[in-house]
Amino acid sequence: MKPAARPTPMHAAELEFLATADKGKVSALLLAPDAPVAILVLGHGAGANMQHAHMQAIADSLAVNGIATLRFNFPYMQRGGGRTDAMPICAETIDNAVALARARNPDLPLYVGGHSFGGRMASHFAADRRPRIEGLIYYSFPLHPARKPGTGRADHLYRLDYPQLFLSGTRDDLADATLLCDVVSRLPDATLHELETADHGFRILKRTRKSAEDIYAEAARQVVAFISRVSG
């Protein structure tokens, strides 16, 4: 009988930083393994904060693969939810989250992304502010509203010259697979990995999914390969 695998040593820290001068401070969570190879600044979706189980699962799956994450709340979510913040507020919040991540881990390659709304705001942040980052990683990029297929939300992506990774479920009703594939194919350095039977929140169809691999482990494996290619 093989001995049980030793768990990866983790370091977690509860932090806060100034989102904007008007909106005040927001909370952040840094989760890092010993000797991380990169750090991802990770924004949450529109309807759930940084502590949601989905966000925790993403962070955990990356940590066991050597990637640290800095999760944070947007100001509207820090106040308890409701209407999302305007894009300039989100961009400034991400900018300050990046500064915090860089201050805590100055020598690590730094990536920005998020789940759904958080990833979309990260892409606008990168397009508008041209930050010093390695690339962008999207968990369930919301290409269009549910049941309203379109590609207007992708128009700004063509202004980006950063490497981009899209992790998208084949049942995601906010990202028509054909439309997303076409968008990604026209970006200068972008990769799309389709997660079989996953929906927008990474829920899967166990009976029809062919792979036995955990969905978060599969996504993390793609992130590791992407970072290895981009950062070496």
Protein backbone atom coordinates (compact mmCIF):
# COMPACT_ATOMS: atom_id res chain seq x y z
CA MET A 1 0.00 0.00 0.00
CA LYS A 2 1.38 3.39 -1.02
CA PRO A 3 1.78 6.00 1.70
CA ALA A 4 -0.63 8.92 1.52
CA ALA A 5 0.69 11.91 -0.38
CA ARG A 6 1.93 14.66 1.87
CA PRO A 7 -0.26 17.77 1.71
CA THR A 8 1.25 20.87 0.14
CA PRO A 9 2.21 23.36 2.88
CA MET A 10 -0.04 26.43 2.59
CA HIS A 11 0.18 29.94 3.96
CA ALA A 12 -2.99 32.02 4.21
CA ALA A 13 -3.27 35.66 5.18
CA GLU A 14 -6.28 37.93 5.63
CA LEU A 15 -5.47 41.38 4.26
CA GLU A 16 -7.13 44.63 3.29
CA PHE A 17 -6.28 47.48 0.95
CA LEU A 18 -7.71 50.74 -0.31
CA ALA A 19 -9.91 50.01 -3.31
CA THR A 20 -10.47 53.68 -4.23
CA ALA A 21 -10.39 56.90 -2.28
CA ASP A 22 -14.18 57.18 -2.47
CA LYS A 23 -15.06 53.54 -1.78
CA GLY A 24 -12.57 52.87 1.00
CA LYS A 25 -10.95 49.61 1.99
CA VAL A 26 -11.83 46.08 0.89
CA SER A 27 -10.81 42.65 2.16
CA ALA A 28 -8.36 40.31 0.48
CA LEU A 29 -7.18 36.73 0.97
CA LEU A 30 -3.68 35.59 0.07
CA LEU A 31 -3.23 31.84 -0.30
CA ALA A 32 0.27 30.64 -1.15
CA PRO A 33 2.10 27.32 -1.15
CA ASP A 34 5.72 27.02 -0.15
CA ALA A 35 7.94 28.30 -2.99
CA PRO A 36 5.19 29.46 -5.40
CA VAL A 37 6.07 29.84 -9.06
CA ALA A 38 3.58 32.65 -9.82
CA ILE A 39 0.73 34.63 -8.31
CA LEU A 40 -2.73 35.26 -9.74
CA VAL A 41 -4.82 38.26 -8.68
CA LEU A 42 -8.29 36.72 -8.78
CA GLY A 43 -11.56 38.65 -8.94
CA HIS A 44 -14.93 37.16 -7.98
CA GLY A 45 -18.12 36.89 -10.00
CA ALA A 46 -20.96 39.41 -9.93
CA GLY A 47 -23.10 37.59 -7.39
CA ALA A 48 -20.65 36.01 -4.96
CA ASN A 49 -17.76 37.32 -2.89
CA MET A 50 -14.16 36.16 -2.67
CA GLN A 51 -15.03 33.57 -0.01
CA HIS A 52 -17.57 31.70 -2.13
CA ALA A 53 -16.95 27.95 -2.37
CA HIS A 54 -16.22 28.23 -6.09
CA MET A 55 -13.55 30.87 -5.49
CA GLN A 56 -12.08 28.82 -2.65
CA ALA A 57 -11.94 25.73 -4.87
CA ILE A 58 -10.13 27.67 -7.60
CA ALA A 59 -7.60 29.03 -5.11
CA ASP A 60 -7.05 25.63 -3.47
CA SER A 61 -6.54 23.86 -6.80
CA LEU A 62 -3.96 26.41 -7.87
CA ALA A 63 -2.12 26.37 -4.54
CA VAL A 64 -1.53 22.62 -4.67
CA ASN A 65 0.01 23.23 -8.10
CA GLY A 66 2.43 25.88 -6.90
CA ILE A 67 0.46 29.01 -7.78
CA ALA A 68 -0.42 31.63 -5.18
CA THR A 69 -3.63 33.65 -5.40
CA LEU A 70 -4.74 37.00 -4.07
CA ARG A 71 -8.53 37.12 -3.91
CA PHE A 72 -10.32 40.35 -3.08
CA ASN A 73 -13.76 41.91 -2.86
CA PHE A 74 -14.92 44.65 -5.15
CA PRO A 75 -16.35 47.57 -3.12
CA TYR A 76 -20.00 46.74 -3.86
CA MET A 77 -19.50 43.22 -2.53
CA GLN A 78 -17.62 44.48 0.51
CA ARG A 79 -20.80 46.40 1.32
CA GLY A 80 -22.89 43.23 1.01
CA GLY A 81 -23.67 42.93 -2.68
CA GLY A 82 -26.22 44.57 -4.94
CA ARG A 83 -25.48 46.49 -8.09
CA THR A 84 -21.93 46.01 -9.36
CA ASP A 85 -19.43 48.86 -9.33
CA ALA A 86 -18.79 50.92 -12.43
CA MET A 87 -15.90 49.80 -14.60
CA PRO A 88 -13.48 52.59 -13.53
CA ILE A 89 -13.99 51.65 -9.88
CA CYS A 90 -13.34 48.00 -10.65
CA ALA A 91 -10.23 48.89 -12.65
CA GLU A 92 -8.78 50.97 -9.83
CA THR A 93 -9.59 48.23 -7.32
CA ILE A 94 -7.78 45.66 -9.44
CA ASP A 95 -4.86 48.05 -9.90
CA ASN A 96 -4.51 48.36 -6.13
CA ALA A 97 -4.91 44.60 -5.66
CA VAL A 98 -2.07 44.10 -8.13
CA ALA A 99 0.08 46.56 -6.18
CA LEU A 100 -0.61 44.61 -2.98
CA ALA A 101 0.22 41.28 -4.61
CA ARG A 102 3.43 42.70 -6.05
CA ALA A 103 4.45 44.16 -2.70
CA ARG A 104 3.91 40.82 -0.97
CA ASN A 105 5.59 38.77 -3.74
CA PRO A 106 7.89 41.10 -5.68
CA ASP A 107 9.85 38.37 -7.43
CA LEU A 108 6.95 36.28 -8.74
CA PRO A 109 5.47 36.44 -12.24
CA LEU A 110 2.09 38.13 -11.77
CA TYR A 111 -1.13 37.30 -13.62
CA VAL A 112 -4.58 38.86 -13.38
CA GLY A 113 -7.97 37.30 -13.94
CA GLY A 114 -11.05 36.03 -12.25
CA HIS A 115 -14.33 34.21 -12.45
CA SER A 116 -16.98 35.65 -14.79
CA PHE A 117 -17.44 39.35 -13.89
CA GLY A 118 -14.04 39.41 -12.17
CA GLY A 119 -12.31 38.13 -15.28
CA ARG A 120 -14.17 40.53 -17.53
CA MET A 121 -13.19 43.48 -15.33
CA ALA A 122 -9.58 42.24 -15.33
CA SER A 123 -9.58 42.33 -19.12
CA HIS A 124 -10.86 45.91 -19.17
CA PHE A 125 -8.28 46.86 -16.55
CA ALA A 126 -5.52 45.44 -18.74
CA ALA A 127 -6.86 47.05 -21.92
CA ASP A 128 -7.23 50.50 -20.34
CA ARG A 129 -4.26 50.68 -17.97
CA ARG A 130 -1.62 48.54 -19.68
CA PRO A 131 -0.25 47.14 -16.41
CA ARG A 132 3.04 45.30 -15.96
CA ILE A 133 1.64 41.77 -15.83
CA GLU A 134 2.49 38.47 -17.51
CA GLY A 135 -0.97 37.56 -18.79
CA LEU A 136 -4.67 37.11 -18.13
CA ILE A 137 -6.56 34.03 -16.93
CA TYR A 138 -10.35 33.81 -17.23
CA TYR A 139 -12.54 31.32 -15.43
CA SER A 140 -15.87 31.36 -17.33
CA PHE A 141 -15.45 34.60 -19.29
CA PRO A 142 -19.00 36.02 -19.65
CA LEU A 143 -19.04 36.64 -23.39
CA HIS A 144 -22.71 37.63 -23.38
CA PRO A 145 -25.77 37.65 -21.11
CA ALA A 146 -27.63 34.37 -20.70
CA ARG A 147 -29.79 33.49 -23.72
CA LYS A 148 -28.53 36.57 -25.60
CA PRO A 149 -25.60 35.34 -27.74
CA GLY A 150 -23.23 38.01 -29.01
CA THR A 151 -19.61 39.10 -29.00
CA GLY A 152 -19.83 42.79 -28.09
CA ARG A 153 -18.26 42.16 -24.71
CA ALA A 154 -15.12 40.93 -26.47
CA ASP A 155 -14.44 44.06 -28.53
CA HIS A 156 -11.76 45.37 -26.14
CA LEU A 157 -9.94 42.02 -26.07
CA TYR A 158 -8.48 42.73 -29.51
CA ARG A 159 -6.54 45.65 -28.01
CA LEU A 160 -4.69 43.32 -25.65
CA ASP A 161 -1.25 41.97 -26.50
CA TYR A 162 -0.94 39.92 -23.31
CA PRO A 163 -1.20 36.12 -23.41
CA GLN A 164 -4.73 35.09 -22.45
CA LEU A 165 -6.17 31.80 -21.18
CA PHE A 166 -9.90 31.08 -21.34
CA LEU A 167 -11.30 28.22 -19.24
CA SER A 168 -14.89 27.71 -20.33
CA GLY A 169 -17.46 25.00 -19.71
CA THR A 170 -19.22 23.42 -22.64
CA ARG A 171 -22.58 24.13 -20.93
CA ASP A 172 -21.82 27.76 -20.06
CA ASP A 173 -24.91 29.75 -21.02
CA LEU A 174 -22.93 33.00 -20.85
CA ALA A 175 -20.40 31.88 -23.46
CA ASP A 176 -21.66 30.22 -26.61
CA ALA A 177 -18.93 27.76 -27.52
CA THR A 178 -18.88 28.60 -31.23
CA LEU A 179 -18.78 32.34 -30.61
CA LEU A 180 -16.08 32.08 -27.95
CA CYS A 181 -13.95 29.83 -30.13
CA ASP A 182 -14.16 32.36 -32.96
CA VAL A 183 -13.20 35.25 -30.66
CA VAL A 184 -10.22 33.40 -29.21
CA SER A 185 -9.01 32.33 -32.66
CA ARG A 186 -8.70 35.99 -33.66
CA LEU A 187 -6.73 37.11 -30.61
CA PRO A 188 -2.93 37.38 -31.04
CA ASP A 189 -1.93 35.05 -28.19
CA ALA A 190 -4.89 33.30 -26.64
CA THR A 191 -5.74 29.76 -25.59
CA LEU A 192 -9.19 28.27 -25.04
CA HIS A 193 -9.63 25.14 -22.97
CA GLU A 194 -13.14 23.71 -22.93
CA LEU A 195 -14.22 21.99 -19.72
CA GLU A 196 -16.43 19.09 -20.69
CA THR A 197 -20.03 19.30 -19.35
CA ALA A 198 -19.19 22.21 -17.00
CA ASP A 199 -21.61 25.11 -16.67
CA HIS A 200 -20.81 28.73 -15.77
CA GLY A 201 -20.16 27.79 -12.12
CA PHE A 202 -18.18 24.62 -13.01
CA ARG A 203 -21.01 22.26 -12.13
CA ILE A 204 -20.65 19.12 -14.22
CA LEU A 205 -22.82 16.29 -15.54
CA LYS A 206 -21.29 13.28 -13.82
CA ARG A 207 -23.11 10.69 -15.92
CA THR A 208 -22.04 12.06 -19.29
CA ARG A 209 -18.67 13.61 -18.49
CA LYS A 210 -16.01 11.35 -20.00
CA SER A 211 -13.10 12.51 -17.86
CA ALA A 212 -12.80 11.33 -14.27
CA GLU A 213 -10.50 14.25 -13.42
CA ASP A 214 -11.81 16.78 -10.94
CA ILE A 215 -12.97 19.87 -12.83
CA TYR A 216 -10.89 22.25 -10.71
CA ALA A 217 -7.81 20.04 -11.06
CA GLU A 218 -8.30 20.05 -14.83
CA ALA A 219 -8.54 23.82 -14.92
CA ALA A 220 -5.49 24.20 -12.66
CA ARG A 221 -3.49 21.89 -14.90
CA GLN A 222 -4.23 24.17 -17.83
CA VAL A 223 -3.22 27.23 -15.81
CA VAL A 224 0.09 25.58 -14.88
CA ALA A 225 0.79 24.77 -18.54
CA PHE A 226 -0.10 28.31 -19.56
CA ILE A 227 2.14 29.91 -16.93
CA SER A 228 4.97 27.53 -17.76
CA ARG A 229 4.78 28.58 -21.40
CA VAL A 230 4.50 32.30 -20.72
CA SER A 231 6.88 32.72 -17.79
CA GLY A 232 9.16 29.77 -18.33
